Amino acid sequence: MHKFAEAKTNNNQYHMFKALLPKEEKYFEDFSAMIIAISEMASLAKDFFGNAKYDAETSLKLKTLEKRCDDISHKVFIKLDKSFLTPFDREDIYALIKTLEKVSDAINAAVTRAIVYNLTEPLKVAEKLLQIAAMQIKELYISIVDLKVKSNENLKIVKDLEQEADLVYREAITKLFKEETNAIELIKRKEILDVLEDITDKCQTVASVIFTISLKNG
């Protein structure tokens, strides 16, 4: 067979084989949908802690958004089981979804605790910590949308914001132990502050996963 004809035949066979393969799932749409839901949660939680009186209705809205994140996570795991092709390593897709899910869980936990504990006075610094978290989530959204582009500037911003949150948290804890005389109130407030600070830590974990993905696929 002539070399050109042989090459053409092989090329046709390749395209026929490729057509039979399952197509790459649209994981990036799932990533984006999840980070958008998390962004809405952060905004709701920030407004919740910014009010003079905590609104229990916010908890219901957050639970709906958290369930949306859980549903997306479940859908992605099913795709991973069925997909032949993935945009990058399966374990990285799993890690990204799981770390995002933990951010949504932490946001919901902070608001839930504030309602259940029935704080006597609003925890003012909570709004500041959630504002920082919201800024982190904005940068994570940009990083996820541009995941195919090797750029780490947004991830650096997430890390810088996490360090800022650490300072805010430490100052708040110091002030709490200095001024709060009611032991029960102190325990309640410290636990909520711990969860709020954990949100920013978990955002940094998401950034680390994205950084790993960009290194392996850049």
N, C-alpha and C. Protein backbone atom coordinates (compact mmCIF):
# COMPACT_ATOMS: atom_id res chain seq x y z
N MET A 1 0.85 -1.19 0.00
CA MET A 1 0.00 0.00 0.00
C MET A 1 0.90 1.25 0.00
N HIS A 2 0.47 2.22 -0.77
CA HIS A 2 1.20 3.49 -0.81
C HIS A 2 1.20 4.11 0.58
N LYS A 3 2.34 4.73 0.94
CA LYS A 3 2.48 5.29 2.29
C LYS A 3 1.41 6.32 2.61
N PHE A 4 1.04 7.14 1.58
CA PHE A 4 0.02 8.17 1.81
C PHE A 4 -1.33 7.52 2.08
N ALA A 5 -1.66 6.49 1.29
CA ALA A 5 -2.93 5.79 1.46
C ALA A 5 -2.97 5.07 2.80
N GLU A 6 -1.82 4.51 3.19
CA GLU A 6 -1.74 3.81 4.48
C GLU A 6 -1.94 4.79 5.63
N ALA A 7 -1.31 5.96 5.52
CA ALA A 7 -1.45 6.98 6.56
C ALA A 7 -2.89 7.45 6.66
N LYS A 8 -3.52 7.61 5.48
CA LYS A 8 -4.91 8.05 5.45
C LYS A 8 -5.83 7.02 6.11
N THR A 9 -5.55 5.75 5.83
CA THR A 9 -6.34 4.66 6.43
C THR A 9 -6.19 4.65 7.94
N ASN A 10 -4.93 4.79 8.38
CA ASN A 10 -4.67 4.81 9.83
C ASN A 10 -5.35 6.00 10.50
N ASN A 11 -5.33 7.13 9.80
CA ASN A 11 -5.96 8.34 10.34
C ASN A 11 -7.47 8.15 10.47
N ASN A 12 -8.08 7.53 9.45
CA ASN A 12 -9.52 7.26 9.49
C ASN A 12 -9.87 6.32 10.63
N GLN A 13 -9.02 5.31 10.83
CA GLN A 13 -9.25 4.36 11.91
C GLN A 13 -9.16 5.04 13.28
N TYR A 14 -8.20 5.97 13.37
CA TYR A 14 -8.02 6.70 14.63
C TYR A 14 -9.26 7.53 14.95
N HIS A 15 -9.79 8.23 13.92
CA HIS A 15 -10.97 9.07 14.15
C HIS A 15 -12.20 8.23 14.46
N MET A 16 -12.29 7.05 13.84
CA MET A 16 -13.41 6.15 14.13
C MET A 16 -13.34 5.67 15.58
N PHE A 17 -12.11 5.32 16.01
CA PHE A 17 -11.91 4.87 17.39
C PHE A 17 -12.23 5.99 18.37
N LYS A 18 -11.75 7.20 18.04
CA LYS A 18 -11.97 8.35 18.91
C LYS A 18 -13.46 8.66 19.05
N ALA A 19 -14.20 8.49 17.95
CA ALA A 19 -15.63 8.77 17.97
C ALA A 19 -16.39 7.82 18.89
N LEU A 20 -15.83 6.62 19.08
CA LEU A 20 -16.47 5.63 19.93
C LEU A 20 -16.20 5.86 21.42
N LEU A 21 -15.18 6.65 21.73
CA LEU A 21 -14.82 6.90 23.12
C LEU A 21 -15.84 7.83 23.78
N PRO A 22 -16.11 7.62 25.06
CA PRO A 22 -16.98 8.57 25.77
C PRO A 22 -16.35 9.96 25.76
N LYS A 23 -17.17 10.96 25.55
CA LYS A 23 -16.65 12.32 25.47
C LYS A 23 -16.31 12.85 26.86
N GLU A 24 -15.35 13.76 26.92
CA GLU A 24 -14.92 14.35 28.18
C GLU A 24 -16.09 15.11 28.80
N GLU A 25 -16.39 14.80 30.04
CA GLU A 25 -17.50 15.45 30.73
C GLU A 25 -17.16 16.93 31.00
N LYS A 26 -18.21 17.72 31.15
CA LYS A 26 -18.01 19.15 31.35
C LYS A 26 -17.81 19.45 32.84
N TYR A 27 -16.68 18.98 33.35
CA TYR A 27 -16.40 19.17 34.77
C TYR A 27 -16.27 20.64 35.14
N PHE A 28 -15.74 21.45 34.24
CA PHE A 28 -15.51 22.85 34.55
C PHE A 28 -16.82 23.58 34.86
N GLU A 29 -17.90 23.17 34.21
CA GLU A 29 -19.20 23.75 34.52
C GLU A 29 -19.62 23.43 35.95
N ASP A 30 -19.31 22.21 36.38
CA ASP A 30 -19.62 21.80 37.76
C ASP A 30 -18.78 22.58 38.76
N PHE A 31 -17.49 22.74 38.46
CA PHE A 31 -16.62 23.51 39.35
C PHE A 31 -17.16 24.94 39.50
N SER A 32 -17.52 25.54 38.37
CA SER A 32 -18.01 26.93 38.39
C SER A 32 -19.32 27.05 39.15
N ALA A 33 -20.23 26.10 38.92
CA ALA A 33 -21.53 26.13 39.60
C ALA A 33 -21.35 26.02 41.11
N MET A 34 -20.39 25.20 41.51
CA MET A 34 -20.16 25.00 42.94
C MET A 34 -19.56 26.25 43.59
N ILE A 35 -18.59 26.87 42.95
CA ILE A 35 -17.96 28.05 43.55
C ILE A 35 -18.93 29.24 43.55
N ILE A 36 -19.84 29.29 42.58
CA ILE A 36 -20.87 30.34 42.57
C ILE A 36 -21.82 30.17 43.76
N ALA A 37 -22.22 28.92 44.02
CA ALA A 37 -23.09 28.65 45.17
C ALA A 37 -22.39 29.00 46.47
N ILE A 38 -21.11 28.68 46.57
CA ILE A 38 -20.32 29.00 47.77
C ILE A 38 -20.19 30.51 47.95
N SER A 39 -20.04 31.22 46.85
CA SER A 39 -19.96 32.68 46.90
C SER A 39 -21.26 33.27 47.44
N GLU A 40 -22.39 32.72 47.01
CA GLU A 40 -23.69 33.18 47.52
C GLU A 40 -23.80 32.90 49.02
N MET A 41 -23.28 31.74 49.44
CA MET A 41 -23.32 31.39 50.86
C MET A 41 -22.50 32.37 51.69
N ALA A 42 -21.32 32.70 51.20
CA ALA A 42 -20.45 33.64 51.92
C ALA A 42 -21.11 35.01 52.05
N SER A 43 -21.77 35.45 50.98
CA SER A 43 -22.45 36.75 50.99
C SER A 43 -23.60 36.75 52.00
N LEU A 44 -24.39 35.68 52.01
CA LEU A 44 -25.50 35.56 52.96
C LEU A 44 -24.99 35.54 54.40
N ALA A 45 -23.92 34.77 54.63
CA ALA A 45 -23.37 34.66 55.98
C ALA A 45 -22.80 35.99 56.46
N LYS A 46 -22.17 36.72 55.55
CA LYS A 46 -21.60 38.03 55.90
C LYS A 46 -22.72 39.00 56.31
N ASP A 47 -23.79 39.01 55.54
CA ASP A 47 -24.94 39.87 55.87
C ASP A 47 -25.58 39.43 57.19
N PHE A 48 -25.64 38.12 57.40
CA PHE A 48 -26.23 37.57 58.63
C PHE A 48 -25.49 38.09 59.86
N PHE A 49 -24.16 37.98 59.85
CA PHE A 49 -23.38 38.42 61.00
C PHE A 49 -23.26 39.94 61.09
N GLY A 50 -23.58 40.62 59.99
CA GLY A 50 -23.51 42.08 59.98
C GLY A 50 -24.74 42.74 60.57
N ASN A 51 -25.82 41.98 60.75
CA ASN A 51 -27.06 42.53 61.30
C ASN A 51 -27.01 42.58 62.82
N ALA A 52 -27.73 43.55 63.38
CA ALA A 52 -27.79 43.68 64.84
C ALA A 52 -28.49 42.49 65.47
N LYS A 53 -29.44 41.92 64.73
CA LYS A 53 -30.16 40.74 65.22
C LYS A 53 -30.05 39.65 64.15
N TYR A 54 -29.66 38.47 64.57
CA TYR A 54 -29.46 37.38 63.62
C TYR A 54 -30.79 36.84 63.10
N ASP A 55 -30.87 36.66 61.78
CA ASP A 55 -32.08 36.21 61.12
C ASP A 55 -31.99 34.70 60.86
N ALA A 56 -32.85 33.95 61.53
CA ALA A 56 -32.84 32.49 61.41
C ALA A 56 -33.19 32.02 59.99
N GLU A 57 -33.89 32.87 59.22
CA GLU A 57 -34.26 32.50 57.85
C GLU A 57 -33.01 32.29 56.97
N THR A 58 -31.93 32.98 57.32
CA THR A 58 -30.69 32.84 56.55
C THR A 58 -30.21 31.40 56.58
N SER A 59 -30.41 30.72 57.69
CA SER A 59 -29.98 29.33 57.83
C SER A 59 -30.66 28.44 56.80
N LEU A 60 -31.94 28.69 56.54
CA LEU A 60 -32.68 27.89 55.56
C LEU A 60 -32.13 28.12 54.15
N LYS A 61 -31.81 29.37 53.84
CA LYS A 61 -31.25 29.69 52.53
C LYS A 61 -29.88 29.03 52.35
N LEU A 62 -29.09 29.07 53.42
CA LEU A 62 -27.76 28.46 53.37
C LEU A 62 -27.86 26.95 53.20
N LYS A 63 -28.83 26.35 53.87
CA LYS A 63 -29.00 24.90 53.78
C LYS A 63 -29.34 24.50 52.34
N THR A 64 -30.15 25.31 51.68
CA THR A 64 -30.50 25.04 50.27
C THR A 64 -29.26 25.11 49.39
N LEU A 65 -28.43 26.12 49.60
CA LEU A 65 -27.21 26.27 48.81
C LEU A 65 -26.19 25.17 49.14
N GLU A 66 -26.12 24.80 50.40
CA GLU A 66 -25.21 23.71 50.78
C GLU A 66 -25.64 22.41 50.12
N LYS A 67 -26.95 22.17 50.06
CA LYS A 67 -27.46 20.96 49.38
C LYS A 67 -27.12 21.00 47.90
N ARG A 68 -27.18 22.20 47.30
CA ARG A 68 -26.80 22.32 45.89
C ARG A 68 -25.35 21.89 45.69
N CYS A 69 -24.49 22.32 46.61
CA CYS A 69 -23.07 21.92 46.54
C CYS A 69 -22.92 20.41 46.70
N ASP A 70 -23.67 19.84 47.64
CA ASP A 70 -23.62 18.39 47.85
C ASP A 70 -24.09 17.65 46.60
N ASP A 71 -25.13 18.17 45.96
CA ASP A 71 -25.65 17.53 44.74
C ASP A 71 -24.63 17.58 43.60
N ILE A 72 -23.96 18.72 43.47
CA ILE A 72 -22.93 18.87 42.44
C ILE A 72 -21.79 17.89 42.71
N SER A 73 -21.39 17.82 43.97
CA SER A 73 -20.32 16.91 44.37
C SER A 73 -20.68 15.47 44.03
N HIS A 74 -21.90 15.08 44.36
CA HIS A 74 -22.37 13.72 44.07
C HIS A 74 -22.38 13.45 42.57
N LYS A 75 -22.83 14.44 41.81
CA LYS A 75 -22.89 14.29 40.36
C LYS A 75 -21.50 14.09 39.76
N VAL A 76 -20.53 14.84 40.27
CA VAL A 76 -19.16 14.73 39.77
C VAL A 76 -18.58 13.35 40.08
N PHE A 77 -18.86 12.83 41.27
CA PHE A 77 -18.33 11.51 41.64
C PHE A 77 -18.92 10.42 40.74
N ILE A 78 -20.20 10.57 40.39
CA ILE A 78 -20.82 9.61 39.47
C ILE A 78 -20.16 9.70 38.10
N LYS A 79 -19.89 10.92 37.65
CA LYS A 79 -19.21 11.11 36.36
C LYS A 79 -17.84 10.44 36.37
N LEU A 80 -17.11 10.62 37.47
CA LEU A 80 -15.77 10.04 37.56
C LEU A 80 -15.80 8.52 37.43
N ASP A 81 -16.85 7.91 37.97
CA ASP A 81 -16.98 6.46 37.89
C ASP A 81 -17.26 5.99 36.47
N LYS A 82 -17.94 6.85 35.69
CA LYS A 82 -18.38 6.45 34.36
C LYS A 82 -17.51 6.98 33.23
N SER A 83 -16.74 8.03 33.50
CA SER A 83 -16.00 8.70 32.43
C SER A 83 -14.72 7.96 32.07
N PHE A 84 -14.47 7.90 30.77
CA PHE A 84 -13.21 7.35 30.27
C PHE A 84 -12.16 8.45 30.20
N LEU A 85 -12.60 9.65 29.78
CA LEU A 85 -11.71 10.80 29.66
C LEU A 85 -12.05 11.84 30.72
N THR A 86 -11.03 12.43 31.30
CA THR A 86 -11.21 13.53 32.26
C THR A 86 -10.23 14.65 31.90
N PRO A 87 -10.56 15.91 32.24
CA PRO A 87 -9.69 17.02 31.84
C PRO A 87 -8.33 16.98 32.54
N PHE A 88 -8.28 16.38 33.72
CA PHE A 88 -7.01 16.16 34.42
C PHE A 88 -7.21 14.98 35.37
N ASP A 89 -6.19 14.65 36.15
CA ASP A 89 -6.21 13.43 36.95
C ASP A 89 -7.45 13.32 37.83
N ARG A 90 -7.99 12.11 37.91
CA ARG A 90 -9.21 11.87 38.68
C ARG A 90 -9.06 12.27 40.15
N GLU A 91 -7.88 11.94 40.72
CA GLU A 91 -7.70 12.26 42.13
C GLU A 91 -7.69 13.77 42.37
N ASP A 92 -7.28 14.54 41.36
CA ASP A 92 -7.28 16.00 41.49
C ASP A 92 -8.70 16.56 41.38
N ILE A 93 -9.50 15.97 40.51
CA ILE A 93 -10.91 16.37 40.41
C ILE A 93 -11.61 16.07 41.73
N TYR A 94 -11.35 14.90 42.27
CA TYR A 94 -11.94 14.51 43.56
C TYR A 94 -11.51 15.48 44.66
N ALA A 95 -10.22 15.80 44.71
CA ALA A 95 -9.70 16.70 45.74
C ALA A 95 -10.31 18.09 45.63
N LEU A 96 -10.45 18.59 44.40
CA LEU A 96 -11.01 19.93 44.20
C LEU A 96 -12.45 20.00 44.67
N ILE A 97 -13.24 19.02 44.28
CA ILE A 97 -14.65 19.01 44.68
C ILE A 97 -14.80 18.85 46.19
N LYS A 98 -14.02 17.96 46.79
CA LYS A 98 -14.13 17.72 48.23
C LYS A 98 -13.71 18.96 49.04
N THR A 99 -12.66 19.65 48.61
CA THR A 99 -12.23 20.84 49.35
C THR A 99 -13.24 21.97 49.20
N LEU A 100 -13.83 22.10 48.01
CA LEU A 100 -14.89 23.10 47.83
C LEU A 100 -16.09 22.78 48.72
N GLU A 101 -16.43 21.51 48.79
CA GLU A 101 -17.56 21.07 49.61
C GLU A 101 -17.31 21.41 51.09
N LYS A 102 -16.08 21.29 51.54
CA LYS A 102 -15.75 21.60 52.93
C LYS A 102 -15.89 23.09 53.22
N VAL A 103 -15.65 23.93 52.22
CA VAL A 103 -15.85 25.38 52.40
C VAL A 103 -17.33 25.66 52.64
N SER A 104 -18.20 25.06 51.83
CA SER A 104 -19.64 25.28 51.98
C SER A 104 -20.13 24.75 53.32
N ASP A 105 -19.60 23.61 53.75
CA ASP A 105 -19.99 23.05 55.05
C ASP A 105 -19.61 23.98 56.20
N ALA A 106 -18.41 24.57 56.11
CA ALA A 106 -17.93 25.45 57.18
C ALA A 106 -18.75 26.74 57.27
N ILE A 107 -19.11 27.30 56.12
CA ILE A 107 -19.94 28.52 56.12
C ILE A 107 -21.28 28.25 56.78
N ASN A 108 -21.89 27.15 56.40
CA ASN A 108 -23.17 26.78 56.99
C ASN A 108 -23.04 26.52 58.49
N ALA A 109 -21.94 25.89 58.89
CA ALA A 109 -21.72 25.57 60.31
C ALA A 109 -21.61 26.83 61.16
N ALA A 110 -20.95 27.86 60.64
CA ALA A 110 -20.77 29.10 61.40
C ALA A 110 -22.12 29.75 61.72
N VAL A 111 -22.98 29.84 60.71
CA VAL A 111 -24.29 30.46 60.91
C VAL A 111 -25.17 29.59 61.80
N THR A 112 -25.13 28.29 61.58
CA THR A 112 -25.93 27.36 62.39
C THR A 112 -25.58 27.48 63.87
N ARG A 113 -24.29 27.56 64.18
CA ARG A 113 -23.86 27.69 65.57
C ARG A 113 -24.34 29.00 66.19
N ALA A 114 -24.28 30.08 65.43
CA ALA A 114 -24.72 31.38 65.95
C ALA A 114 -26.20 31.35 66.32
N ILE A 115 -27.00 30.62 65.53
CA ILE A 115 -28.44 30.52 65.80
C ILE A 115 -28.70 29.59 66.98
N VAL A 116 -28.07 28.43 66.97
CA VAL A 116 -28.28 27.44 68.03
C VAL A 116 -27.80 27.96 69.38
N TYR A 117 -26.66 28.66 69.38
CA TYR A 117 -26.10 29.16 70.63
C TYR A 117 -26.82 30.40 71.15
N ASN A 118 -27.65 31.01 70.31
CA ASN A 118 -28.44 32.17 70.72
C ASN A 118 -27.57 33.22 71.44
N LEU A 119 -26.60 33.75 70.72
CA LEU A 119 -25.66 34.70 71.30
C LEU A 119 -26.39 35.93 71.86
N THR A 120 -25.95 36.38 73.01
CA THR A 120 -26.60 37.53 73.66
C THR A 120 -26.32 38.83 72.90
N GLU A 121 -25.16 38.92 72.27
CA GLU A 121 -24.79 40.08 71.46
C GLU A 121 -24.14 39.60 70.16
N PRO A 122 -24.30 40.37 69.06
CA PRO A 122 -23.69 39.97 67.79
C PRO A 122 -22.16 39.86 67.89
N LEU A 123 -21.60 38.95 67.14
CA LEU A 123 -20.15 38.77 67.08
C LEU A 123 -19.64 39.62 65.92
N LYS A 124 -19.25 40.84 66.23
CA LYS A 124 -18.96 41.84 65.19
C LYS A 124 -17.81 41.44 64.26
N VAL A 125 -16.78 40.81 64.80
CA VAL A 125 -15.61 40.47 63.98
C VAL A 125 -15.95 39.38 62.95
N ALA A 126 -17.06 38.69 63.16
CA ALA A 126 -17.46 37.63 62.23
C ALA A 126 -17.67 38.18 60.82
N GLU A 127 -18.27 39.36 60.75
CA GLU A 127 -18.51 39.98 59.44
C GLU A 127 -17.20 40.23 58.71
N LYS A 128 -16.17 40.66 59.44
CA LYS A 128 -14.86 40.93 58.86
C LYS A 128 -14.23 39.65 58.32
N LEU A 129 -14.30 38.58 59.09
CA LEU A 129 -13.72 37.31 58.65
C LEU A 129 -14.44 36.77 57.42
N LEU A 130 -15.75 36.95 57.37
CA LEU A 130 -16.51 36.48 56.21
C LEU A 130 -16.28 37.37 54.99
N GLN A 131 -15.99 38.64 55.23
CA GLN A 131 -15.63 39.53 54.13
C GLN A 131 -14.32 39.05 53.49
N ILE A 132 -13.37 38.66 54.32
CA ILE A 132 -12.09 38.14 53.81
C ILE A 132 -12.34 36.83 53.04
N ALA A 133 -13.18 35.96 53.62
CA ALA A 133 -13.50 34.69 52.95
C ALA A 133 -14.15 34.94 51.59
N ALA A 134 -15.06 35.92 51.54
CA ALA A 134 -15.74 36.24 50.28
C ALA A 134 -14.74 36.71 49.22
N MET A 135 -13.74 37.46 49.64
CA MET A 135 -12.70 37.91 48.73
C MET A 135 -11.87 36.72 48.23
N GLN A 136 -11.58 35.79 49.13
CA GLN A 136 -10.86 34.58 48.73
C GLN A 136 -11.67 33.79 47.69
N ILE A 137 -12.94 33.64 47.95
CA ILE A 137 -13.81 32.87 47.06
C ILE A 137 -13.88 33.51 45.67
N LYS A 138 -13.88 34.84 45.63
CA LYS A 138 -13.86 35.55 44.35
C LYS A 138 -12.60 35.19 43.56
N GLU A 139 -11.45 35.16 44.23
CA GLU A 139 -10.19 34.81 43.57
C GLU A 139 -10.18 33.34 43.15
N LEU A 140 -10.77 32.49 43.97
CA LEU A 140 -10.86 31.06 43.61
C LEU A 140 -11.73 30.86 42.38
N TYR A 141 -12.81 31.64 42.29
CA TYR A 141 -13.67 31.55 41.11
C TYR A 141 -12.88 31.87 39.85
N ILE A 142 -12.10 32.95 39.90
CA ILE A 142 -11.29 33.34 38.74
C ILE A 142 -10.30 32.22 38.40
N SER A 143 -9.68 31.65 39.42
CA SER A 143 -8.70 30.58 39.21
C SER A 143 -9.34 29.34 38.60
N ILE A 144 -10.55 29.02 39.04
CA ILE A 144 -11.24 27.83 38.51
C ILE A 144 -11.67 28.05 37.07
N VAL A 145 -12.19 29.24 36.79
CA VAL A 145 -12.59 29.55 35.41
C VAL A 145 -11.39 29.51 34.47
N ASP A 146 -10.22 29.97 34.97
CA ASP A 146 -8.99 30.00 34.17
C ASP A 146 -8.07 28.82 34.46
N LEU A 147 -8.67 27.69 34.87
CA LEU A 147 -7.86 26.55 35.30
C LEU A 147 -6.95 26.02 34.20
N LYS A 148 -7.36 26.23 32.95
CA LYS A 148 -6.54 25.77 31.83
C LYS A 148 -5.39 26.72 31.53
N VAL A 149 -5.42 27.89 32.18
CA VAL A 149 -4.36 28.88 31.99
C VAL A 149 -3.46 28.85 33.22
N LYS A 150 -2.17 28.66 33.01
CA LYS A 150 -1.25 28.56 34.15
C LYS A 150 -0.94 29.94 34.70
N SER A 151 -1.72 30.36 35.70
CA SER A 151 -1.50 31.65 36.34
C SER A 151 -1.76 31.49 37.83
N ASN A 152 -0.82 31.91 38.65
CA ASN A 152 -0.92 31.68 40.09
C ASN A 152 -1.15 32.96 40.89
N GLU A 153 -1.36 34.08 40.20
CA GLU A 153 -1.51 35.35 40.89
C GLU A 153 -2.72 35.35 41.82
N ASN A 154 -3.85 34.81 41.35
CA ASN A 154 -5.05 34.76 42.18
C ASN A 154 -4.86 33.86 43.39
N LEU A 155 -4.10 32.78 43.22
CA LEU A 155 -3.85 31.85 44.31
C LEU A 155 -2.99 32.50 45.39
N LYS A 156 -2.09 33.35 44.97
CA LYS A 156 -1.25 34.10 45.92
C LYS A 156 -2.11 35.05 46.75
N ILE A 157 -3.08 35.67 46.09
CA ILE A 157 -3.99 36.59 46.79
C ILE A 157 -4.78 35.83 47.85
N VAL A 158 -5.22 34.62 47.51
CA VAL A 158 -5.96 33.78 48.46
C VAL A 158 -5.10 33.51 49.69
N LYS A 159 -3.83 33.20 49.47
CA LYS A 159 -2.91 32.94 50.58
C LYS A 159 -2.71 34.19 51.43
N ASP A 160 -2.52 35.34 50.79
CA ASP A 160 -2.35 36.60 51.52
C ASP A 160 -3.57 36.92 52.38
N LEU A 161 -4.75 36.65 51.82
CA LEU A 161 -6.00 36.90 52.55
C LEU A 161 -6.13 35.95 53.74
N GLU A 162 -5.67 34.72 53.56
CA GLU A 162 -5.72 33.75 54.66
C GLU A 162 -4.84 34.21 55.82
N GLN A 163 -3.70 34.78 55.49
CA GLN A 163 -2.80 35.31 56.53
C GLN A 163 -3.42 36.53 57.22
N GLU A 164 -4.13 37.34 56.45
CA GLU A 164 -4.85 38.49 57.04
C GLU A 164 -5.92 38.00 58.00
N ALA A 165 -6.63 36.96 57.60
CA ALA A 165 -7.67 36.39 58.46
C ALA A 165 -7.09 35.84 59.75
N ASP A 166 -5.90 35.26 59.68
CA ASP A 166 -5.23 34.75 60.88
C ASP A 166 -4.99 35.88 61.89
N LEU A 167 -4.56 37.03 61.39
CA LEU A 167 -4.30 38.18 62.26
C LEU A 167 -5.60 38.68 62.91
N VAL A 168 -6.65 38.78 62.10
CA VAL A 168 -7.96 39.23 62.61
C VAL A 168 -8.45 38.25 63.68
N TYR A 169 -8.30 36.96 63.40
CA TYR A 169 -8.74 35.92 64.33
C TYR A 169 -7.98 36.01 65.65
N ARG A 170 -6.65 36.13 65.58
CA ARG A 170 -5.84 36.18 66.80
C ARG A 170 -6.19 37.41 67.65
N GLU A 171 -6.38 38.54 67.00
CA GLU A 171 -6.76 39.75 67.72
C GLU A 171 -8.12 39.59 68.39
N ALA A 172 -9.05 38.94 67.68
CA ALA A 172 -10.40 38.73 68.21
C ALA A 172 -10.38 37.79 69.41
N ILE A 173 -9.58 36.72 69.31
CA ILE A 173 -9.47 35.77 70.42
C ILE A 173 -8.84 36.43 71.65
N THR A 174 -7.81 37.21 71.41
CA THR A 174 -7.14 37.92 72.51
C THR A 174 -8.13 38.85 73.22
N LYS A 175 -8.88 39.59 72.44
CA LYS A 175 -9.87 40.52 73.00
C LYS A 175 -10.98 39.76 73.73
N LEU A 176 -11.39 38.63 73.17
CA LEU A 176 -12.46 37.83 73.78
C LEU A 176 -12.05 37.35 75.17
N PHE A 177 -10.86 36.79 75.30
CA PHE A 177 -10.41 36.27 76.59
C PHE A 177 -10.12 37.39 77.59
N LYS A 178 -9.87 38.56 77.09
CA LYS A 178 -9.59 39.70 77.96
C LYS A 178 -10.87 40.33 78.50
N GLU A 179 -11.93 40.35 77.68
CA GLU A 179 -13.13 41.12 78.02
C GLU A 179 -14.33 40.27 78.44
N GLU A 180 -14.45 39.04 77.92
CA GLU A 180 -15.63 38.23 78.22
C GLU A 180 -15.50 37.55 79.57
N THR A 181 -16.41 37.85 80.48
CA THR A 181 -16.36 37.29 81.84
C THR A 181 -17.29 36.09 82.01
N ASN A 182 -18.24 35.94 81.10
CA ASN A 182 -19.16 34.81 81.16
C ASN A 182 -18.53 33.62 80.44
N ALA A 183 -18.23 32.57 81.19
CA ALA A 183 -17.50 31.42 80.63
C ALA A 183 -18.26 30.74 79.49
N ILE A 184 -19.58 30.63 79.63
CA ILE A 184 -20.38 29.97 78.59
C ILE A 184 -20.37 30.79 77.30
N GLU A 185 -20.55 32.12 77.46
CA GLU A 185 -20.51 32.99 76.29
C GLU A 185 -19.14 32.94 75.62
N LEU A 186 -18.10 32.87 76.43
CA LEU A 186 -16.74 32.80 75.89
C LEU A 186 -16.57 31.54 75.03
N ILE A 187 -17.04 30.41 75.53
CA ILE A 187 -16.92 29.15 74.79
C ILE A 187 -17.69 29.21 73.48
N LYS A 188 -18.92 29.74 73.55
CA LYS A 188 -19.75 29.87 72.35
C LYS A 188 -19.04 30.70 71.28
N ARG A 189 -18.59 31.89 71.69
CA ARG A 189 -17.99 32.83 70.75
C ARG A 189 -16.67 32.31 70.18
N LYS A 190 -15.89 31.67 71.03
CA LYS A 190 -14.62 31.13 70.54
C LYS A 190 -14.85 30.05 69.50
N GLU A 191 -15.85 29.19 69.74
CA GLU A 191 -16.11 28.12 68.78
C GLU A 191 -16.54 28.68 67.43
N ILE A 192 -17.38 29.72 67.44
CA ILE A 192 -17.82 30.33 66.18
C ILE A 192 -16.64 30.99 65.48
N LEU A 193 -15.79 31.67 66.24
CA LEU A 193 -14.59 32.28 65.66
C LEU A 193 -13.68 31.22 65.04
N ASP A 194 -13.57 30.09 65.70
CA ASP A 194 -12.75 28.99 65.18
C ASP A 194 -13.27 28.51 63.82
N VAL A 195 -14.60 28.38 63.74
CA VAL A 195 -15.21 27.92 62.48
C VAL A 195 -15.02 28.96 61.38
N LEU A 196 -15.18 30.23 61.72
CA LEU A 196 -15.02 31.30 60.74
C LEU A 196 -13.58 31.36 60.21
N GLU A 197 -12.63 31.21 61.11
CA GLU A 197 -11.23 31.20 60.68
C GLU A 197 -10.94 29.97 59.83
N ASP A 198 -11.62 28.88 60.15
CA ASP A 198 -11.44 27.63 59.39
C ASP A 198 -11.94 27.77 57.95
N ILE A 199 -12.94 28.64 57.74
CA ILE A 199 -13.42 28.87 56.37
C ILE A 199 -12.28 29.40 55.50
N THR A 200 -11.53 30.36 56.03
CA THR A 200 -10.43 30.95 55.26
C THR A 200 -9.30 29.94 55.06
N ASP A 201 -9.09 29.08 56.05
CA ASP A 201 -8.09 28.01 55.90
C ASP A 201 -8.49 27.04 54.79
N LYS A 202 -9.77 26.72 54.75
CA LYS A 202 -10.25 25.77 53.74
C LYS A 202 -10.20 26.38 52.34
N CYS A 203 -10.41 27.70 52.25
CA CYS A 203 -10.25 28.38 50.96
C CYS A 203 -8.80 28.27 50.49
N GLN A 204 -7.86 28.39 51.43
CA GLN A 204 -6.45 28.24 51.10
C GLN A 204 -6.15 26.81 50.65
N THR A 205 -6.81 25.83 51.24
CA THR A 205 -6.64 24.44 50.81
C THR A 205 -7.11 24.25 49.37
N VAL A 206 -8.24 24.88 49.02
CA VAL A 206 -8.72 24.83 47.64
C VAL A 206 -7.67 25.42 46.70
N ALA A 207 -7.10 26.55 47.11
CA ALA A 207 -6.05 27.20 46.29
C ALA A 207 -4.86 26.27 46.10
N SER A 208 -4.49 25.53 47.12
CA SER A 208 -3.37 24.60 47.03
C SER A 208 -3.66 23.48 46.04
N VAL A 209 -4.91 23.00 46.04
CA VAL A 209 -5.31 21.95 45.09
C VAL A 209 -5.23 22.49 43.66
N ILE A 210 -5.73 23.70 43.46
CA ILE A 210 -5.69 24.31 42.12
C ILE A 210 -4.24 24.51 41.67
N PHE A 211 -3.39 24.92 42.60
CA PHE A 211 -1.98 25.11 42.27
C PHE A 211 -1.34 23.80 41.83
N THR A 212 -1.66 22.73 42.53
CA THR A 212 -1.14 21.40 42.16
C THR A 212 -1.60 21.00 40.77
N ILE A 213 -2.87 21.25 40.48
CA ILE A 213 -3.43 20.94 39.16
C ILE A 213 -2.71 21.73 38.07
N SER A 214 -2.49 23.02 38.33
CA SER A 214 -1.83 23.87 37.32
C SER A 214 -0.39 23.44 37.08
N LEU A 215 0.28 22.97 38.14
CA LEU A 215 1.66 22.49 37.97
C LEU A 215 1.71 21.21 37.14
N LYS A 216 0.78 20.32 37.41
CA LYS A 216 0.79 19.02 36.73
C LYS A 216 0.32 19.12 35.28
N ASN A 217 -0.46 20.17 34.98
CA ASN A 217 -1.06 20.26 33.64
C ASN A 217 -0.66 21.51 32.88
N GLY A 218 0.30 22.28 33.43
CA GLY A 218 0.69 23.53 32.79
C GLY A 218 1.58 23.31 31.58
